[in-house]
């Protein structure tokens, strides 16, 4: 997982604040596009693209939006429903579900969820699913 730091902008090079300004110009519609935004913020396009996904204004909520989880389960009727019920109780919105054909009585599920409304972390959700007796393995493939 990413390690985030909260740093006073006074001690950072100006380029970071200018990237945030360019992003705000784009979101607010005060800039017609990236070229216009970087011109108004007085930075290069390359600086904007280099840092745009890594710097945020502190009043903007920084949360990951999607998590992809792989789960190996015993081929037991209703196990997928039980897993989805755990996700639903934690307000994890299912985006995709892929399931392999069971081999040796084991199926693999790959589930991508929207985590923006969840009251708990992805790690805690994984632990809730892991506590089911029919779960053989569960791992987080990625967060974006």
N, C-alpha and C. Protein backbone atom coordinates (compact mmCIF):
# COMPACT_ATOMS: atom_id res chain seq x y z
N UNK A 1 0.83 -1.18 0.00
CA UNK A 1 0.00 0.00 0.00
C UNK A 1 0.88 1.24 0.00
N UNK A 2 0.30 2.34 -0.44
CA UNK A 2 1.02 3.60 -0.50
C UNK A 2 1.26 4.15 0.89
N UNK A 3 2.37 4.84 1.04
CA UNK A 3 2.65 5.54 2.28
C UNK A 3 2.51 7.03 1.98
N UNK A 4 1.57 7.68 2.63
CA UNK A 4 1.31 9.09 2.40
C UNK A 4 1.89 9.92 3.53
N UNK A 5 2.35 11.11 3.17
CA UNK A 5 2.87 12.06 4.15
C UNK A 5 2.08 13.35 4.03
N UNK A 6 1.81 13.99 5.14
CA UNK A 6 1.18 15.29 5.13
C UNK A 6 2.29 16.30 5.43
N UNK A 7 2.58 17.17 4.46
CA UNK A 7 3.71 18.08 4.57
C UNK A 7 3.22 19.50 4.33
N UNK A 8 3.69 20.44 5.12
CA UNK A 8 3.36 21.85 4.93
C UNK A 8 3.94 22.31 3.59
N UNK A 9 3.12 22.91 2.75
CA UNK A 9 3.55 23.32 1.42
C UNK A 9 4.65 24.38 1.46
N UNK A 10 4.82 25.04 2.58
CA UNK A 10 5.87 26.06 2.71
C UNK A 10 7.27 25.47 2.54
N UNK A 11 7.45 24.20 2.87
CA UNK A 11 8.78 23.61 2.80
C UNK A 11 9.00 22.84 1.49
N UNK A 12 8.00 22.79 0.64
CA UNK A 12 8.10 22.06 -0.62
C UNK A 12 8.43 23.01 -1.77
N UNK A 13 9.04 22.49 -2.83
CA UNK A 13 9.24 23.31 -4.02
C UNK A 13 7.89 23.79 -4.57
N UNK A 14 7.87 24.96 -5.17
CA UNK A 14 6.64 25.57 -5.68
C UNK A 14 5.90 24.71 -6.70
N UNK A 15 6.62 23.85 -7.39
CA UNK A 15 6.00 23.06 -8.45
C UNK A 15 4.83 22.24 -7.93
N UNK A 16 4.91 21.74 -6.70
CA UNK A 16 3.84 20.90 -6.17
C UNK A 16 2.55 21.71 -5.98
N UNK A 17 2.68 22.89 -5.43
CA UNK A 17 1.50 23.75 -5.25
C UNK A 17 0.92 24.16 -6.60
N UNK A 18 1.80 24.37 -7.56
CA UNK A 18 1.34 24.77 -8.90
C UNK A 18 0.61 23.62 -9.61
N UNK A 19 1.05 22.40 -9.37
CA UNK A 19 0.35 21.24 -9.93
C UNK A 19 -1.05 21.15 -9.33
N UNK A 20 -1.16 21.35 -8.02
CA UNK A 20 -2.46 21.34 -7.36
C UNK A 20 -3.33 22.44 -7.93
N UNK A 21 -2.75 23.62 -8.16
CA UNK A 21 -3.50 24.74 -8.73
C UNK A 21 -4.02 24.37 -10.13
N UNK A 22 -3.17 23.76 -10.94
CA UNK A 22 -3.58 23.36 -12.29
C UNK A 22 -4.73 22.35 -12.23
N UNK A 23 -4.65 21.41 -11.31
CA UNK A 23 -5.73 20.42 -11.16
C UNK A 23 -7.03 21.10 -10.76
N UNK A 24 -6.94 22.08 -9.86
CA UNK A 24 -8.15 22.80 -9.42
C UNK A 24 -8.74 23.62 -10.57
N UNK A 25 -7.88 24.20 -11.40
CA UNK A 25 -8.36 24.96 -12.56
C UNK A 25 -9.12 24.04 -13.52
N UNK A 26 -8.63 22.84 -13.70
CA UNK A 26 -9.30 21.88 -14.58
C UNK A 26 -10.64 21.44 -14.01
N UNK A 27 -10.66 21.10 -12.73
CA UNK A 27 -11.89 20.63 -12.09
C UNK A 27 -12.95 21.72 -12.07
N UNK A 28 -12.54 22.95 -11.81
CA UNK A 28 -13.49 24.06 -11.70
C UNK A 28 -13.97 24.56 -13.06
N UNK A 29 -13.29 24.14 -14.13
CA UNK A 29 -13.66 24.60 -15.46
C UNK A 29 -13.05 25.94 -15.82
N UNK A 30 -12.17 26.46 -14.99
CA UNK A 30 -11.52 27.74 -15.26
C UNK A 30 -10.39 27.61 -16.27
N UNK A 31 -10.05 26.38 -16.60
CA UNK A 31 -9.07 26.11 -17.66
C UNK A 31 -9.74 25.19 -18.67
N UNK A 32 -9.47 25.46 -19.96
CA UNK A 32 -10.11 24.69 -21.02
C UNK A 32 -9.50 23.31 -21.20
N UNK A 33 -8.31 23.13 -20.73
CA UNK A 33 -7.61 21.85 -20.86
C UNK A 33 -6.30 21.91 -20.11
N UNK A 34 -5.52 20.85 -20.24
CA UNK A 34 -4.26 20.79 -19.51
C UNK A 34 -3.32 21.91 -19.95
N UNK A 35 -3.23 22.15 -21.25
CA UNK A 35 -2.34 23.21 -21.74
C UNK A 35 -2.69 24.56 -21.13
N UNK A 36 -3.98 24.86 -21.09
CA UNK A 36 -4.43 26.12 -20.50
C UNK A 36 -4.15 26.15 -19.00
N UNK A 37 -4.39 25.05 -18.31
CA UNK A 37 -4.18 25.00 -16.86
C UNK A 37 -2.71 25.17 -16.49
N UNK A 38 -1.82 24.50 -17.20
CA UNK A 38 -0.40 24.62 -16.86
C UNK A 38 0.14 26.00 -17.20
N UNK A 39 -0.41 26.61 -18.24
CA UNK A 39 0.00 27.98 -18.58
C UNK A 39 -0.42 28.94 -17.47
N UNK A 40 -1.66 28.80 -16.99
CA UNK A 40 -2.15 29.67 -15.91
C UNK A 40 -1.41 29.41 -14.60
N UNK A 41 -1.00 28.17 -14.36
CA UNK A 41 -0.28 27.83 -13.13
C UNK A 41 1.22 28.09 -13.25
N UNK A 42 1.67 28.40 -14.47
CA UNK A 42 3.08 28.71 -14.73
C UNK A 42 4.00 27.51 -14.44
N UNK A 43 3.60 26.35 -14.99
CA UNK A 43 4.45 25.16 -14.92
C UNK A 43 4.46 24.48 -16.28
N UNK A 44 5.40 23.57 -16.47
CA UNK A 44 5.47 22.84 -17.73
C UNK A 44 4.46 21.68 -17.72
N UNK A 45 4.10 21.25 -18.91
CA UNK A 45 3.20 20.09 -19.02
C UNK A 45 3.86 18.85 -18.42
N UNK A 46 5.16 18.72 -18.63
CA UNK A 46 5.85 17.53 -18.10
C UNK A 46 5.82 17.52 -16.57
N UNK A 47 5.96 18.68 -15.93
CA UNK A 47 5.86 18.74 -14.46
C UNK A 47 4.47 18.35 -14.01
N UNK A 48 3.46 18.85 -14.73
CA UNK A 48 2.08 18.52 -14.38
C UNK A 48 1.86 17.00 -14.44
N UNK A 49 2.24 16.40 -15.57
CA UNK A 49 2.01 14.96 -15.73
C UNK A 49 2.87 14.13 -14.78
N UNK A 50 4.05 14.63 -14.44
CA UNK A 50 4.93 13.90 -13.52
C UNK A 50 4.34 13.79 -12.12
N UNK A 51 3.66 14.86 -11.66
CA UNK A 51 3.21 14.92 -10.27
C UNK A 51 1.70 14.87 -10.06
N UNK A 52 0.90 14.96 -11.12
CA UNK A 52 -0.55 15.12 -10.96
C UNK A 52 -1.22 14.01 -10.15
N UNK A 53 -0.70 12.80 -10.22
CA UNK A 53 -1.31 11.68 -9.49
C UNK A 53 -0.73 11.50 -8.09
N UNK A 54 0.18 12.40 -7.71
CA UNK A 54 0.87 12.22 -6.43
C UNK A 54 0.72 13.37 -5.45
N UNK A 55 0.20 14.51 -5.90
CA UNK A 55 0.02 15.64 -4.98
C UNK A 55 -1.45 16.02 -4.94
N UNK A 56 -1.93 16.32 -3.72
CA UNK A 56 -3.33 16.62 -3.51
C UNK A 56 -3.44 17.78 -2.53
N UNK A 57 -4.51 18.52 -2.67
CA UNK A 57 -4.81 19.56 -1.70
C UNK A 57 -5.30 18.87 -0.43
N UNK A 58 -4.91 19.37 0.73
CA UNK A 58 -5.25 18.69 1.98
C UNK A 58 -6.74 18.67 2.27
N UNK A 59 -7.52 19.56 1.65
CA UNK A 59 -8.96 19.54 1.90
C UNK A 59 -9.69 18.60 0.94
N UNK A 60 -8.94 17.93 0.08
CA UNK A 60 -9.51 16.93 -0.82
C UNK A 60 -9.37 15.58 -0.14
N UNK A 61 -10.45 14.82 -0.11
CA UNK A 61 -10.40 13.50 0.51
C UNK A 61 -9.60 12.57 -0.38
N UNK A 62 -8.55 12.00 0.17
CA UNK A 62 -7.69 11.10 -0.59
C UNK A 62 -8.03 9.68 -0.19
N UNK A 63 -8.75 9.00 -1.04
CA UNK A 63 -9.08 7.61 -0.76
C UNK A 63 -8.93 6.81 -2.03
N UNK A 64 -8.59 5.58 -1.86
CA UNK A 64 -8.51 4.69 -3.00
C UNK A 64 -9.93 4.33 -3.41
N UNK A 65 -10.12 4.09 -4.69
CA UNK A 65 -11.47 3.87 -5.19
C UNK A 65 -11.80 2.41 -5.47
N UNK A 66 -10.80 1.65 -5.95
CA UNK A 66 -11.07 0.26 -6.33
C UNK A 66 -10.03 -0.67 -5.74
N UNK A 67 -10.50 -1.82 -5.35
CA UNK A 67 -9.60 -2.87 -4.86
C UNK A 67 -9.94 -4.16 -5.59
N UNK A 68 -8.92 -4.91 -5.98
CA UNK A 68 -9.12 -6.21 -6.61
C UNK A 68 -8.59 -7.28 -5.66
N UNK A 69 -9.47 -8.23 -5.37
CA UNK A 69 -9.17 -9.27 -4.38
C UNK A 69 -9.32 -10.63 -5.05
N UNK A 70 -8.37 -11.52 -4.79
CA UNK A 70 -8.44 -12.89 -5.30
C UNK A 70 -8.69 -13.83 -4.13
N UNK A 71 -9.68 -14.70 -4.29
CA UNK A 71 -10.08 -15.60 -3.21
C UNK A 71 -10.15 -17.03 -3.75
N UNK A 72 -9.46 -17.95 -3.09
CA UNK A 72 -9.57 -19.38 -3.42
C UNK A 72 -10.53 -20.00 -2.41
N UNK A 73 -11.55 -20.69 -2.94
CA UNK A 73 -12.60 -21.24 -2.08
C UNK A 73 -12.85 -22.71 -2.41
N UNK A 74 -13.36 -23.42 -1.42
CA UNK A 74 -13.84 -24.77 -1.68
C UNK A 74 -15.12 -24.66 -2.50
N UNK A 75 -15.36 -25.62 -3.36
CA UNK A 75 -16.54 -25.60 -4.22
C UNK A 75 -17.76 -26.05 -3.42
N UNK A 76 -18.29 -25.11 -2.64
CA UNK A 76 -19.45 -25.38 -1.78
C UNK A 76 -20.58 -24.45 -2.19
N UNK A 77 -21.77 -25.01 -2.33
CA UNK A 77 -22.92 -24.22 -2.72
C UNK A 77 -23.13 -23.06 -1.75
N UNK A 78 -23.30 -21.85 -2.30
CA UNK A 78 -23.61 -20.67 -1.51
C UNK A 78 -22.42 -19.88 -1.00
N UNK A 79 -21.19 -20.36 -1.24
CA UNK A 79 -20.02 -19.65 -0.72
C UNK A 79 -19.86 -18.27 -1.35
N UNK A 80 -20.10 -18.17 -2.66
CA UNK A 80 -20.01 -16.86 -3.31
C UNK A 80 -21.03 -15.90 -2.71
N UNK A 81 -22.24 -16.38 -2.49
CA UNK A 81 -23.29 -15.56 -1.89
C UNK A 81 -22.88 -15.06 -0.51
N UNK A 82 -22.25 -15.92 0.28
CA UNK A 82 -21.81 -15.53 1.62
C UNK A 82 -20.73 -14.45 1.56
N UNK A 83 -19.81 -14.59 0.61
CA UNK A 83 -18.75 -13.59 0.45
C UNK A 83 -19.35 -12.26 0.02
N UNK A 84 -20.25 -12.31 -0.95
CA UNK A 84 -20.88 -11.08 -1.42
C UNK A 84 -21.71 -10.42 -0.33
N UNK A 85 -22.29 -11.22 0.55
CA UNK A 85 -23.04 -10.68 1.68
C UNK A 85 -22.12 -9.90 2.63
N UNK A 86 -20.92 -10.42 2.87
CA UNK A 86 -19.94 -9.71 3.69
C UNK A 86 -19.59 -8.37 3.04
N UNK A 87 -19.36 -8.40 1.73
CA UNK A 87 -19.04 -7.17 1.00
C UNK A 87 -20.19 -6.17 1.10
N UNK A 88 -21.41 -6.65 0.91
CA UNK A 88 -22.58 -5.77 0.94
C UNK A 88 -22.76 -5.13 2.31
N UNK A 89 -22.55 -5.90 3.37
CA UNK A 89 -22.69 -5.37 4.73
C UNK A 89 -21.68 -4.26 5.01
N UNK A 90 -20.56 -4.29 4.30
CA UNK A 90 -19.53 -3.26 4.49
C UNK A 90 -19.58 -2.19 3.40
N UNK A 91 -20.68 -2.17 2.63
CA UNK A 91 -20.92 -1.17 1.59
C UNK A 91 -19.84 -1.17 0.50
N UNK A 92 -19.29 -2.35 0.22
CA UNK A 92 -18.35 -2.51 -0.89
C UNK A 92 -19.17 -2.76 -2.15
N UNK A 93 -19.10 -1.87 -3.10
CA UNK A 93 -19.86 -2.00 -4.33
C UNK A 93 -19.11 -2.90 -5.31
N UNK A 94 -19.73 -3.99 -5.72
CA UNK A 94 -19.10 -4.95 -6.63
C UNK A 94 -19.05 -4.36 -8.03
N UNK A 95 -17.83 -4.30 -8.60
CA UNK A 95 -17.67 -3.82 -9.97
C UNK A 95 -17.54 -4.98 -10.95
N UNK A 96 -16.74 -5.98 -10.60
CA UNK A 96 -16.60 -7.18 -11.45
C UNK A 96 -16.43 -8.41 -10.58
N UNK A 97 -16.90 -9.54 -11.12
CA UNK A 97 -16.67 -10.84 -10.48
C UNK A 97 -16.27 -11.82 -11.58
N UNK A 98 -15.17 -12.51 -11.38
CA UNK A 98 -14.75 -13.58 -12.27
C UNK A 98 -14.52 -14.82 -11.42
N UNK A 99 -15.01 -15.96 -11.91
CA UNK A 99 -14.84 -17.22 -11.18
C UNK A 99 -14.35 -18.28 -12.13
N UNK A 100 -13.32 -19.02 -11.71
CA UNK A 100 -12.83 -20.12 -12.52
C UNK A 100 -13.71 -21.35 -12.31
N UNK A 101 -13.64 -22.27 -13.24
CA UNK A 101 -14.31 -23.56 -13.07
C UNK A 101 -13.56 -24.30 -11.97
N UNK A 102 -14.26 -24.90 -11.02
CA UNK A 102 -13.57 -25.60 -9.93
C UNK A 102 -12.71 -26.76 -10.44
N UNK A 103 -11.46 -26.78 -10.00
CA UNK A 103 -10.55 -27.89 -10.28
C UNK A 103 -10.12 -28.45 -8.94
N UNK A 104 -10.21 -29.77 -8.81
CA UNK A 104 -9.91 -30.42 -7.52
C UNK A 104 -10.74 -29.81 -6.40
N UNK A 105 -11.98 -29.45 -6.75
CA UNK A 105 -12.95 -28.91 -5.79
C UNK A 105 -12.56 -27.53 -5.25
N UNK A 106 -11.71 -26.80 -6.00
CA UNK A 106 -11.30 -25.45 -5.59
C UNK A 106 -11.56 -24.48 -6.74
N UNK A 107 -12.23 -23.38 -6.43
CA UNK A 107 -12.50 -22.33 -7.41
C UNK A 107 -11.77 -21.06 -6.98
N UNK A 108 -11.39 -20.27 -7.96
CA UNK A 108 -10.74 -18.99 -7.68
C UNK A 108 -11.66 -17.87 -8.12
N UNK A 109 -11.90 -16.94 -7.21
CA UNK A 109 -12.72 -15.76 -7.50
C UNK A 109 -11.80 -14.55 -7.59
N UNK A 110 -12.05 -13.71 -8.57
CA UNK A 110 -11.38 -12.42 -8.62
C UNK A 110 -12.49 -11.38 -8.60
N UNK A 111 -12.48 -10.56 -7.57
CA UNK A 111 -13.56 -9.58 -7.36
C UNK A 111 -12.96 -8.19 -7.27
N UNK A 112 -13.49 -7.28 -8.07
CA UNK A 112 -13.08 -5.87 -7.99
C UNK A 112 -14.23 -5.10 -7.37
N UNK A 113 -13.90 -4.30 -6.36
CA UNK A 113 -14.93 -3.56 -5.63
C UNK A 113 -14.60 -2.07 -5.59
N UNK A 114 -15.64 -1.28 -5.50
CA UNK A 114 -15.52 0.15 -5.23
C UNK A 114 -15.56 0.28 -3.71
N UNK A 115 -14.53 0.88 -3.13
CA UNK A 115 -14.42 0.94 -1.67
C UNK A 115 -14.73 2.32 -1.09
N UNK A 116 -15.20 3.24 -1.91
CA UNK A 116 -15.37 4.62 -1.45
C UNK A 116 -16.40 4.78 -0.35
N UNK A 117 -17.38 3.89 -0.26
CA UNK A 117 -18.43 4.01 0.76
C UNK A 117 -18.20 3.11 1.97
N UNK A 118 -17.12 2.35 1.95
CA UNK A 118 -16.89 1.39 3.03
C UNK A 118 -16.51 2.09 4.33
N UNK A 119 -17.09 1.65 5.45
CA UNK A 119 -16.73 2.23 6.74
C UNK A 119 -15.46 1.63 7.35
N UNK A 120 -14.92 0.58 6.71
CA UNK A 120 -13.71 -0.08 7.21
C UNK A 120 -12.65 -0.09 6.11
N UNK A 121 -11.43 -0.44 6.47
CA UNK A 121 -10.35 -0.52 5.48
C UNK A 121 -10.47 -1.82 4.68
N UNK A 122 -9.78 -1.86 3.55
CA UNK A 122 -9.77 -3.06 2.73
C UNK A 122 -9.15 -4.22 3.51
N UNK A 123 -8.11 -3.95 4.29
CA UNK A 123 -7.49 -5.01 5.10
C UNK A 123 -8.49 -5.63 6.07
N UNK A 124 -9.31 -4.81 6.70
CA UNK A 124 -10.31 -5.34 7.64
C UNK A 124 -11.37 -6.15 6.90
N UNK A 125 -11.75 -5.70 5.71
CA UNK A 125 -12.71 -6.46 4.90
C UNK A 125 -12.13 -7.83 4.56
N UNK A 126 -10.87 -7.86 4.15
CA UNK A 126 -10.21 -9.12 3.82
C UNK A 126 -10.20 -10.05 5.04
N UNK A 127 -9.93 -9.50 6.20
CA UNK A 127 -9.93 -10.32 7.42
C UNK A 127 -11.31 -10.89 7.73
N UNK A 128 -12.37 -10.11 7.46
CA UNK A 128 -13.73 -10.62 7.68
C UNK A 128 -14.01 -11.81 6.75
N UNK A 129 -13.58 -11.70 5.50
CA UNK A 129 -13.79 -12.80 4.54
C UNK A 129 -12.91 -13.99 4.92
N UNK A 130 -11.68 -13.71 5.34
CA UNK A 130 -10.72 -14.77 5.69
C UNK A 130 -11.23 -15.64 6.84
N UNK A 131 -12.05 -15.08 7.70
CA UNK A 131 -12.57 -15.83 8.85
C UNK A 131 -13.59 -16.90 8.48
N UNK A 132 -14.06 -16.91 7.24
CA UNK A 132 -14.98 -17.96 6.78
C UNK A 132 -14.20 -19.27 6.66
N UNK A 133 -14.80 -20.36 7.09
CA UNK A 133 -14.09 -21.64 7.10
C UNK A 133 -13.81 -22.19 5.71
N UNK A 134 -14.61 -21.82 4.72
CA UNK A 134 -14.45 -22.37 3.38
C UNK A 134 -13.47 -21.57 2.52
N UNK A 135 -12.86 -20.53 3.08
CA UNK A 135 -11.90 -19.72 2.35
C UNK A 135 -10.52 -20.35 2.51
N UNK A 136 -9.91 -20.73 1.40
CA UNK A 136 -8.59 -21.35 1.46
C UNK A 136 -7.48 -20.32 1.44
N UNK A 137 -7.67 -19.28 0.62
CA UNK A 137 -6.66 -18.24 0.50
C UNK A 137 -7.33 -16.97 0.01
N UNK A 138 -6.87 -15.84 0.49
CA UNK A 138 -7.37 -14.56 0.02
C UNK A 138 -6.20 -13.60 -0.04
N UNK A 139 -6.12 -12.86 -1.15
CA UNK A 139 -5.04 -11.88 -1.25
C UNK A 139 -5.51 -10.66 -2.02
N UNK A 140 -4.95 -9.54 -1.64
CA UNK A 140 -5.22 -8.28 -2.31
C UNK A 140 -4.30 -8.18 -3.51
N UNK A 141 -4.88 -8.10 -4.71
CA UNK A 141 -4.07 -8.01 -5.92
C UNK A 141 -3.65 -6.58 -6.21
N UNK A 142 -4.49 -5.62 -5.84
CA UNK A 142 -4.13 -4.24 -6.09
C UNK A 142 -5.21 -3.27 -5.67
N UNK A 143 -4.78 -2.04 -5.49
CA UNK A 143 -5.70 -0.94 -5.17
C UNK A 143 -5.36 0.19 -6.12
N UNK A 144 -6.37 0.81 -6.68
CA UNK A 144 -6.14 1.98 -7.53
C UNK A 144 -7.11 3.07 -7.20
